[in-house]
Protein backbone atom coordinates (compact mmCIF):
# COMPACT_ATOMS: atom_id res chain seq x y z
CA ALA A 1 0.07 -0.10 -0.09
CA ASN A 2 1.11 3.51 -0.69
CA SER A 3 -0.55 4.68 2.63
CA PRO A 4 -1.93 3.68 5.62
CA SER A 5 -5.71 2.26 5.75
CA ALA A 6 -8.41 4.66 6.65
CA ARG A 7 -8.42 4.12 10.52
CA PHE A 8 -8.74 6.60 14.15
CA LEU A 9 -7.65 6.31 17.25
CA TYR A 10 -3.70 6.41 16.52
CA GLY A 11 -0.77 7.62 17.58
CA MET A 12 0.92 10.55 15.23
CA VAL A 13 4.09 12.82 16.08
CA TYR A 14 6.18 14.92 13.99
CA ASP A 15 9.93 13.70 14.38
CA SER A 16 11.65 17.07 14.12
CA ALA A 17 15.21 15.49 13.99
CA ARG A 18 14.11 13.70 10.70
CA ASP A 19 11.30 16.11 9.36
CA VAL A 20 8.77 13.49 9.19
CA MET A 21 5.55 12.46 10.85
CA VAL A 22 5.08 9.05 12.95
CA LEU A 23 1.95 7.61 12.73
CA PHE A 24 1.54 4.04 14.92
CA GLY A 25 -1.27 1.94 15.33
CA GLY A 26 -5.21 2.66 15.37
CA ARG A 27 -8.01 1.04 14.90
CA ASN A 28 -9.33 0.60 10.81
CA ALA A 29 -11.95 -2.06 9.50
CA LEU A 30 -9.88 -5.12 11.14
CA GLY A 31 -9.29 -3.69 14.42
CA ALA A 32 -6.08 -2.66 16.12
CA ASN A 33 -3.03 -3.00 14.57
CA ASN A 34 0.67 -2.19 15.34
CA GLU A 35 1.64 -0.83 12.14
CA THR A 36 4.18 1.97 11.98
CA TRP A 37 4.35 4.38 9.10
CA GLU A 38 6.57 7.92 8.40
CA PHE A 39 5.15 10.67 5.96
CA ASP A 40 7.71 13.18 4.59
CA GLY A 41 5.49 15.82 3.35
CA THR A 42 4.74 14.35 -0.01
CA THR A 43 5.19 10.21 0.35
CA TRP A 44 4.14 7.58 2.97
CA SER A 45 6.13 4.64 3.62
CA GLN A 46 5.18 1.92 6.30
CA VAL A 47 8.34 0.85 8.04
CA THR A 48 9.32 -2.40 8.90
CA THR A 49 10.88 -3.09 12.50
CA ALA A 50 12.81 -5.58 14.28
CA ASN A 51 10.53 -5.24 17.34
CA SER A 52 7.00 -3.61 18.01
CA PRO A 53 4.92 -2.97 20.37
CA PRO A 54 1.54 -5.14 20.56
CA ALA A 55 -1.11 -3.88 18.20
CA ARG A 56 -3.57 -0.97 20.11
CA GLU A 57 -5.35 2.27 20.14
CA GLU A 58 -5.84 5.18 21.71
CA MET A 59 -2.26 5.67 23.34
CA GLY A 60 -0.16 8.60 24.48
CA MET A 61 2.13 9.12 22.23
CA ILE A 62 5.12 12.23 22.21
CA TYR A 63 8.21 13.21 20.09
CA ASP A 64 11.05 14.02 22.69
CA SER A 65 13.25 16.42 20.91
CA SER A 66 16.11 16.03 23.68
CA LEU A 67 16.56 12.33 22.68
CA ASN A 68 15.42 12.29 18.95
CA ARG A 69 12.96 10.00 19.93
CA THR A 70 9.28 9.39 19.89
CA ILE A 71 7.87 7.77 23.56
CA MET A 72 4.69 6.28 23.53
CA PHE A 73 2.83 5.03 26.73
CA GLY A 74 -0.13 2.90 27.30
CA GLY A 75 -3.35 2.43 25.10
CA CYS A 76 -5.81 -0.32 24.68
CA ASN A 77 -7.02 -3.29 21.94
CA GLU A 78 -10.47 -3.12 22.28
CA ASN A 79 -10.68 -6.47 20.19
CA THR A 80 -8.82 -8.22 23.11
CA SER A 81 -9.86 -6.02 26.11
CA GLN A 82 -6.37 -5.05 26.80
CA ILE A 83 -5.12 -2.01 28.39
CA PHE A 84 -1.50 -1.46 28.32
CA GLY A 85 0.56 0.29 30.72
CA ASP A 86 3.88 -0.34 29.20
CA THR A 87 6.19 2.48 27.95
CA TRP A 88 8.06 2.15 24.46
CA GLN A 89 10.38 4.49 22.36
CA TYR A 90 10.68 4.40 18.40
CA ASP A 91 14.02 6.02 16.74
CA GLY A 92 13.27 6.28 13.21
CA THR A 93 14.68 2.16 13.01
CA ASP A 94 13.57 0.17 15.62
CA TRP A 95 10.98 0.00 18.38
CA ILE A 96 12.23 -0.55 21.67
CA GLN A 97 10.31 -1.61 25.39
CA LEU A 98 11.67 0.80 28.11
CA ASN A 99 11.38 -0.87 31.69
CA PRO A 100 10.65 2.30 33.82
CA ILE A 101 11.16 1.36 37.52
CA THR A 102 7.53 2.83 38.41
CA SER A 103 5.01 3.64 36.15
CA PRO A 104 1.07 4.84 35.75
CA THR A 105 -1.49 2.07 35.92
CA PRO A 106 -2.92 0.74 32.64
CA ARG A 107 -4.90 3.14 31.04
CA PHE A 108 -6.15 4.79 27.64
CA ARG A 109 -7.78 7.87 26.26
CA GLY A 110 -5.43 9.94 28.05
CA VAL A 111 -3.64 13.12 26.71
CA MET A 112 0.39 13.49 26.39
CA GLU A 113 2.77 15.95 25.81
CA PHE A 114 6.40 16.60 25.89
CA ASP A 115 7.94 19.61 28.32
CA SER A 116 10.96 20.35 26.41
CA ASP A 117 12.27 22.81 28.98
CA ARG A 118 12.57 20.12 31.71
CA SER A 119 13.01 16.93 29.42
CA ARG A 120 9.85 15.46 30.33
CA SER A 121 7.03 13.55 28.92
CA VAL A 122 3.82 14.48 31.20
CA TYR A 123 0.66 12.42 30.96
CA PHE A 124 -2.94 13.66 32.23
CA GLY A 125 -6.49 11.67 32.75
CA GLY A 126 -7.66 9.05 30.92
CA TYR A 127 -9.58 5.81 31.64
CA ASP A 128 -8.40 2.80 33.01
CA GLY A 129 -11.65 0.38 32.14
CA THR A 130 -13.50 1.12 35.19
CA THR A 131 -12.55 4.51 36.11
CA TRP A 132 -12.37 8.03 34.60
CA LEU A 133 -9.13 9.96 35.69
CA ASN A 134 -7.69 13.16 36.33
CA ASP A 135 -4.13 12.13 37.82
CA MET A 136 -0.99 13.65 35.92
CA HIS A 137 2.48 11.52 35.63
CA GLU A 138 5.38 12.52 34.26
CA PHE A 139 8.55 10.42 32.55
CA ASN A 140 12.06 10.94 33.23
CA PHE A 141 13.99 9.25 30.50
CA GLU A 142 17.34 9.67 32.61
CA SER A 143 15.99 7.84 35.82
CA MET A 144 13.63 6.20 33.93
CA ALA A 145 11.06 6.25 35.90
CA TRP A 146 7.63 7.63 35.74
CA ALA A 147 6.37 9.29 39.04
CA PRO A 148 2.74 11.01 40.10
CA VAL A 149 2.63 14.97 40.24
CA SER A 150 1.46 16.47 42.74
CA ALA A 151 -0.67 19.15 41.10
CA THR A 152 -2.26 22.02 43.00
CA GLY A 153 -4.90 24.80 42.00
CA GLN A 154 -8.41 24.24 40.39
CA ILE A 155 -7.47 20.63 38.71
CA PRO A 156 -9.62 19.23 36.17
CA SER A 157 -12.27 16.96 36.97
CA ILE A 158 -11.91 13.29 35.80
CA ARG A 159 -12.02 13.18 32.52
CA SER A 160 -10.76 11.17 29.27
CA CYS A 161 -10.65 12.60 25.48
CA PRO A 162 -10.07 16.09 25.99
CA SER A 163 -7.72 18.36 23.91
CA TRP A 164 -4.69 19.55 25.46
CA CYS A 165 -1.85 21.84 23.57
CA LYS A 166 1.36 23.18 24.75
CA GLU A 167 2.37 27.04 24.72
CA ALA A 168 5.36 28.23 26.49
CA ASP A 169 5.47 26.94 30.03
CA SER A 170 1.91 25.71 30.17
CA VAL A 171 -0.65 23.01 28.67
CA PHE A 172 -4.27 23.82 28.05
CA VAL A 173 -7.13 21.21 28.05
CA PHE A 174 -10.59 21.98 26.48
CA GLY A 175 -13.13 19.12 27.27
CA GLY A 176 -13.84 15.54 27.33
CA TYR A 177 -15.96 12.93 28.83
CA ASP A 178 -16.19 11.60 32.48
CA GLY A 179 -18.50 8.77 31.50
CA VAL A 180 -21.83 10.53 32.12
CA GLN A 181 -21.35 13.75 30.19
CA ARG A 182 -18.99 15.67 27.67
CA MET A 183 -17.51 19.16 28.91
CA ASN A 184 -16.22 22.01 27.33
CA ASP A 185 -14.99 23.66 30.25
CA PHE A 186 -10.88 25.39 29.90
CA PHE A 187 -7.76 25.00 32.00
CA GLU A 188 -4.44 25.74 31.83
CA CYS A 189 -1.43 24.21 33.90
CA ASN A 190 1.93 25.63 34.35
CA LEU A 191 4.26 22.78 33.90
CA ALA A 192 7.22 24.74 36.00
CA THR A 193 4.75 24.11 39.30
CA TYR A 194 2.18 22.27 38.13
CA THR A 195 -0.31 24.34 39.03
CA TRP A 196 -4.06 24.35 37.64
CA ARG A 197 -6.32 27.29 36.88
CA GLN A 198 -9.96 27.26 35.31
CA ILE A 199 -9.70 29.92 32.67
CA PRO A 200 -13.33 31.53 32.34
CA CYS A 201 -14.39 31.33 28.36
CA ALA A 202 -15.95 34.38 26.83
CA GLY A 203 -17.74 34.98 23.22
CA THR A 204 -19.20 31.70 21.48
CA VAL A 205 -17.86 28.87 23.95
CA PRO A 206 -17.62 25.57 21.44
CA SER A 207 -20.48 23.04 22.55
CA PRO A 208 -19.39 20.19 24.96
CA ARG A 209 -17.24 17.47 23.31
CA TYR A 210 -14.52 14.72 23.39
CA PHE A 211 -12.34 12.97 20.79
CA HIS A 212 -11.76 16.37 19.25
CA ALA A 213 -8.13 17.70 18.18
CA CYS A 214 -6.21 20.82 19.15
CA ALA A 215 -3.45 23.38 17.92
CA MET A 216 -1.50 26.22 18.98
CA TYR A 217 -0.32 28.87 16.34
CA SER A 218 -0.02 32.44 16.58
CA ASN A 219 -0.32 32.51 20.11
CA CYS A 220 -4.03 31.09 19.86
CA MET A 221 -5.50 27.60 20.25
CA TYR A 222 -7.78 26.10 17.73
CA THR A 223 -9.86 23.09 18.23
CA PHE A 224 -11.98 21.11 15.57
CA GLY A 225 -14.20 17.98 15.70
């Protein structure tokens, strides 16, 4: 195939060192898969690796620019009812499973971001198959350990599938789902202090939603879907 099959719930990041988009997994018509694809702006190429994470969807995935590595955590496979709590890295050639000293509980549908100022991967919320979550964890590659974050302030309520964007020292969270209702509240977390605050919204606030996307551009946050 010249491009990935139609799919959703995949992980995708931009590898700035190699100037390619990296896509992993997701769900297509046959179920969850563990394919790795790269897009260079013109052409899709499927990457065959010696090792690969098990097929999954709804994982957390970021690009760590300090290591020039893609880092992936968690996810699920709805075909097999598996929920993952493993951590992997991809260097453009192969996937390697990491063995952190400590890890968050297995989960999916959370959000993950890379804090370039402190070279940490940060994960928020999600769903463990029973409970919706609002805890935060950070991954330190040097110590090879995940650690829970003791956040303060106006912490968002439990949720999965919010949108989550980083700008300067902060991440911004909009919406999500808590098992009962969709939300359209808006929060900022300062990653230097792990302090949350809820941001009052003016104007025409987007309707409650989840499974949507967002991006930061020119000091504005855009959300879609």
